[in-house]
């Protein structure tokens, strides 16, 4: 089970549904600190979205790991049930009584069964059948109108490409070592250092 832990600083925007209110608060905080407004808001949004994406990825990882563990337990449950029959048969016993469980017994199994069913097999293509039905007047094409839901505009975050980044420290919390040329720089992704 491998999951890279990354250190992260949470933002208010990650959990507060009042996005505009939080962004106005952040804007006011940046103004009070005399920091660049545009870059500050852009970085705050990017930082928050990156944290949420990391959280989603981490949760998906654990869900997959849990699915594997559940599958393993299901396989072992079936193994105990089927192999346990062999054990009881070797002992010449069909039922065991217990103190905690009432009993353990061999259930009646089912033999495999074969069923035959007639299914219509077309000797011509669907298009040929449609054409024939239209020619005979037994079918016609109709216009079907479908409407899709509108997609509202959304924010898109593009990471900045930076060459030879030196130490960056805005408030003493953030340290970024040199990043090789042409590597996508994300100051909030702390994996690897």
Protein backbone atom coordinates (compact mmCIF):
# COMPACT_ATOMS: atom_id res chain seq x y z
CA UNK A 1 0.00 0.00 0.00
CA UNK A 2 1.79 3.08 -1.24
CA UNK A 3 0.50 6.59 -0.85
CA UNK A 4 2.76 9.62 -0.93
CA UNK A 5 1.87 11.93 1.90
CA UNK A 6 2.14 15.57 1.04
CA UNK A 7 2.23 18.42 3.48
CA UNK A 8 -0.39 20.99 2.78
CA UNK A 9 -1.84 24.08 4.29
CA UNK A 10 -5.63 24.22 4.12
CA UNK A 11 -7.56 27.23 2.91
CA UNK A 12 -10.97 28.47 4.01
CA UNK A 13 -12.16 28.15 0.42
CA UNK A 14 -11.79 24.35 0.55
CA UNK A 15 -14.86 23.83 2.73
CA UNK A 16 -16.89 27.02 2.64
CA UNK A 17 -19.72 26.91 0.08
CA UNK A 18 -19.88 30.73 -0.02
CA UNK A 19 -17.11 31.07 -2.60
CA UNK A 20 -17.67 34.74 -3.50
CA UNK A 21 -17.75 35.72 0.17
CA UNK A 22 -14.47 33.89 0.88
CA UNK A 23 -12.78 35.40 -2.18
CA UNK A 24 -13.90 38.89 -1.10
CA UNK A 25 -12.45 38.17 2.36
CA UNK A 26 -9.17 37.03 0.77
CA UNK A 27 -9.09 40.12 -1.44
CA UNK A 28 -9.54 42.35 1.61
CA UNK A 29 -6.77 40.46 3.47
CA UNK A 30 -4.41 40.94 0.51
CA UNK A 31 -5.23 44.65 0.35
CA UNK A 32 -4.54 45.03 4.09
CA UNK A 33 -1.17 43.29 3.68
CA UNK A 34 -0.38 45.40 0.59
CA UNK A 35 0.21 42.26 -1.48
CA UNK A 36 -0.42 41.90 -5.24
CA UNK A 37 -4.15 41.33 -5.61
CA UNK A 38 -4.39 39.55 -8.96
CA UNK A 39 -1.56 37.10 -8.27
CA UNK A 40 -2.73 36.57 -4.69
CA UNK A 41 -6.29 35.64 -5.70
CA UNK A 42 -5.08 33.49 -8.62
CA UNK A 43 -2.63 31.63 -6.39
CA UNK A 44 -5.24 31.24 -3.64
CA UNK A 45 -7.73 29.68 -6.06
CA UNK A 46 -5.05 27.48 -7.65
CA UNK A 47 -3.75 26.42 -4.23
CA UNK A 48 -7.28 25.50 -3.07
CA UNK A 49 -8.13 23.56 -6.24
CA UNK A 50 -4.81 21.69 -6.02
CA UNK A 51 -5.49 20.76 -2.38
CA UNK A 52 -8.97 19.52 -3.26
CA UNK A 53 -7.63 17.50 -6.20
CA UNK A 54 -5.01 15.91 -3.94
CA UNK A 55 -7.74 15.11 -1.42
CA UNK A 56 -9.87 13.49 -4.13
CA UNK A 57 -6.91 11.45 -5.41
CA UNK A 58 -6.05 10.31 -1.91
CA UNK A 59 -9.63 9.25 -1.19
CA UNK A 60 -9.87 7.40 -4.51
CA UNK A 61 -6.63 5.59 -3.64
CA UNK A 62 -8.03 4.46 -0.28
CA UNK A 63 -11.32 3.42 -1.87
CA UNK A 64 -9.40 1.20 -4.32
CA UNK A 65 -7.33 -0.26 -1.47
CA UNK A 66 -10.51 -0.98 0.51
CA UNK A 67 -12.09 -2.64 -2.54
CA UNK A 68 -9.03 -4.92 -2.78
CA UNK A 69 -9.29 -5.81 0.92
CA UNK A 70 -13.04 -6.46 0.61
CA UNK A 71 -12.44 -8.70 -2.42
CA UNK A 72 -9.76 -10.61 -0.50
CA UNK A 73 -12.18 -11.12 2.42
CA UNK A 74 -14.96 -12.25 0.05
CA UNK A 75 -12.64 -14.78 -1.61
CA UNK A 76 -11.54 -16.11 1.79
CA UNK A 77 -15.18 -16.35 2.95
CA UNK A 78 -16.06 -18.46 -0.09
CA UNK A 79 -12.87 -20.50 0.37
CA UNK A 80 -13.79 -21.32 3.99
CA UNK A 81 -17.34 -22.26 2.97
CA UNK A 82 -16.29 -24.58 0.14
CA UNK A 83 -13.15 -26.07 1.71
CA UNK A 84 -14.95 -26.47 5.04
CA UNK A 85 -17.32 -28.90 3.30
CA UNK A 86 -14.34 -31.10 2.43
CA UNK A 87 -13.21 -31.00 6.07
CA UNK A 88 -16.63 -32.02 7.42
CA UNK A 89 -16.93 -34.77 4.79
CA UNK A 90 -13.49 -36.12 5.80
CA UNK A 91 -14.72 -36.27 9.40
CA UNK A 92 -17.93 -38.00 8.26
CA UNK A 93 -20.04 -35.23 9.81
CA UNK A 94 -22.78 -33.14 8.23
CA UNK A 95 -23.39 -30.77 11.13
CA UNK A 96 -21.37 -29.31 14.01
CA UNK A 97 -22.99 -27.66 17.03
CA UNK A 98 -21.30 -24.73 18.69
CA UNK A 99 -21.49 -22.58 21.82
CA UNK A 100 -21.39 -19.22 20.06
CA UNK A 101 -23.02 -20.28 16.78
CA UNK A 102 -25.95 -22.62 16.80
CA UNK A 103 -24.47 -24.91 14.19
CA UNK A 104 -22.32 -25.28 11.09
CA UNK A 105 -23.72 -27.61 8.47
CA UNK A 106 -23.32 -28.53 4.84
CA UNK A 107 -25.96 -26.91 2.65
CA UNK A 108 -27.38 -28.64 -0.36
CA UNK A 109 -25.60 -27.54 -3.49
CA UNK A 110 -26.99 -27.35 -7.00
CA UNK A 111 -25.81 -29.26 -9.99
CA UNK A 112 -25.13 -27.29 -13.12
CA UNK A 113 -28.12 -27.02 -15.40
CA UNK A 114 -28.30 -26.41 -19.10
CA UNK A 115 -31.22 -24.51 -20.52
CA UNK A 116 -31.92 -24.02 -24.14
CA UNK A 117 -33.80 -21.03 -25.33
CA UNK A 118 -34.74 -20.00 -28.82
CA UNK A 119 -33.47 -16.65 -29.92
CA UNK A 120 -34.29 -14.88 -33.14
CA UNK A 121 -31.26 -14.59 -35.40
CA UNK A 122 -31.47 -11.98 -38.15
CA UNK A 123 -30.11 -12.99 -41.52
CA UNK A 124 -30.15 -9.40 -42.74
CA UNK A 125 -28.79 -6.21 -41.21
CA UNK A 126 -30.86 -3.85 -39.10
CA UNK A 127 -30.54 -1.22 -41.82
CA UNK A 128 -32.05 -3.64 -44.39
CA UNK A 129 -34.94 -4.41 -42.03
CA UNK A 130 -35.54 -0.68 -41.49
CA UNK A 131 -35.50 -0.07 -45.25
CA UNK A 132 -37.99 -2.91 -45.87
CA UNK A 133 -40.37 -1.68 -43.17
CA UNK A 134 -40.28 1.86 -44.59
CA UNK A 135 -40.88 0.52 -48.13
CA UNK A 136 -43.88 -1.49 -46.89
CA UNK A 137 -45.24 1.59 -45.10
CA UNK A 138 -44.93 -0.11 -41.70
CA UNK A 139 -42.36 2.36 -40.34
CA UNK A 140 -41.15 5.91 -40.86
CA UNK A 141 -38.39 8.13 -39.58
CA UNK A 142 -39.30 10.70 -36.96
CA UNK A 143 -37.34 13.68 -35.76
CA UNK A 144 -36.29 13.39 -32.15
CA UNK A 145 -35.11 16.52 -30.38
CA UNK A 146 -32.87 16.19 -27.37
CA UNK A 147 -31.77 19.01 -25.14
CA UNK A 148 -28.57 18.96 -23.16
CA UNK A 149 -28.10 20.73 -19.87
CA UNK A 150 -26.21 24.00 -20.13
CA UNK A 151 -22.66 23.97 -18.81
CA UNK A 152 -21.85 27.09 -16.81
CA UNK A 153 -18.47 28.76 -17.28
CA UNK A 154 -15.83 27.42 -14.88
CA UNK A 155 -12.41 28.49 -13.72
CA UNK A 156 -9.43 26.86 -15.39
CA UNK A 157 -6.07 26.92 -13.63
CA UNK A 158 -2.92 26.82 -15.72
CA UNK A 159 0.32 26.12 -13.87
CA UNK A 160 3.18 28.52 -14.55
CA UNK A 161 6.31 27.22 -16.27
CA UNK A 162 9.41 28.56 -14.55
CA UNK A 163 13.10 28.02 -15.24
CA UNK A 164 15.66 27.82 -12.40
CA UNK A 165 13.52 28.69 -9.42
CA UNK A 166 15.48 29.86 -6.41
CA UNK A 167 14.28 29.89 -2.83
CA UNK A 168 10.83 31.46 -2.57
CA UNK A 169 9.55 32.63 0.78
CA UNK A 170 6.62 35.02 1.09
CA UNK A 171 5.91 34.65 4.77
CA UNK A 172 8.48 32.16 5.99
CA UNK A 173 6.24 29.13 5.33
CA UNK A 174 7.14 28.22 1.76
CA UNK A 175 10.49 26.84 0.60
CA UNK A 176 10.96 25.78 -3.01
CA UNK A 177 14.32 24.32 -4.09
CA UNK A 178 15.75 24.67 -7.59
CA UNK A 179 13.42 23.21 -10.19
CA UNK A 180 14.94 21.83 -13.42
CA UNK A 181 14.33 23.76 -16.65
CA UNK A 182 10.95 23.29 -18.35
CA UNK A 183 9.40 21.49 -15.40
CA UNK A 184 5.95 22.60 -14.36
CA UNK A 185 6.31 24.57 -11.15
CA UNK A 186 3.59 24.33 -8.54
CA UNK A 187 4.62 25.96 -5.26
CA UNK A 188 1.80 24.22 -3.40
CA UNK A 189 2.72 20.68 -4.45
CA UNK A 190 5.23 19.63 -1.79
CA UNK A 191 5.63 16.03 -2.93
CA UNK A 192 9.29 15.20 -3.39
CA UNK A 193 10.66 17.62 -0.77
